[in-house]
Amino acid sequence: MIDLSTQIGPKLHLKNPILTASGTFGYGDELADLIDLSRFGGIVTKSLTLHPRAGNPSPRVTETTAGMINSIGLANIGVDAFIEQKSESLRSFPGKVIANIAGRTEDEYAETLKKLESQEWIAGYEMNVSCPNVREGGIEFGAKPEILDRIVERFRGLTDRFLMIKLSPNVTDIRILAEVCQKRGADAVSMINTVYGAAIDIKTRKPLINTVIGGLSGPAIKPIAVANIIKTRRAVDIPIVGVGGITCGADVVEFLLAGASAVELGTVNFFNLNAAAEILEFLEEYGVAQGIGSIAELVGKAKV
């Protein structure tokens, strides 16, 4: 049997490499009656902000060829309500819980993180500095190296727990940003966030989402994610958590070979709630067929 466990830096050990992608699995407890949550190595929560957010007006999701465009706008109940309403159920989750944090300002990020530090069951944080569908904050924090340098250093000073920075492909060179994260003490980077996308109704001639441009996810962006992981793996030593268009076990192996130490399942959660179980079964069979003893033997082993 292949050892499915994976180590993401010195601070996070997962029983298997399958995480949920923020924004595609709620806060982690809503689907407990529909899916065996123990299948996941960890859950990344919906983005949490200091205050509740209603998000962008509808319509804010539309299906496209091989994917979907969303412009949710980080709608969430706010960090205080999250702690009050979700602590009991998430404390008993059999895997690791990673809180995704977003904000309009650097201070909002910091205050949200400080509040979450009171919850011992949270294993670490994914800082969303790369959301393409909010008007304030969002991608501007993760697109400029000088701003990212300052805020990652600030985040690192606020916690000793696992700290991962989610990076955007909507930049000139994602490697520069990953290097900044490594320099300022991040334990890992996750990539990629969604790609800019838009769709127009040819009958009404109007955009299919209210904000006109949103974030494209799903199988259509998988090659973009793989390319960015390959490039970044060559530039930094900290682990990479891969996300973007994964739908099956073969996709996961491809991400591992490209250089990811774990992956996040996103859009697939909307159309296949059994994806994690199917992927784990594939990985076990693949390991036996390939004579592989552990997931670690695959990471970064693509012949590129």
Foldseek 3Di string as FASTA:
>chain_A
DAQQWFDQFPQDIFSHQEEADAPFCAQPPPCVVPAPLLLGSEYEHHEAWQAADQFDDPPAWDADVQWIFGQRRSGDHHLVVCCVPPLVPLLPRPHAYEYEYFYQDLVGRLVSVLVCVVRPRHQYYEYQQAFPRHPGRHVVCQADLVSVLVSLLVVVVRDPGAYEYEHEPPYDARLSSQVSNVVSPHQEYEDDWFDKDWDADPVVRHTNTPVRIGGIAAQVCLVVQLVNLLVNQVRDDRAYEYEGHDQAQVSQLSSQLSAHRHYHDHPNCVPDVCRSVRNVVVVVVVCVVVVHHYSNVRHNNPPD
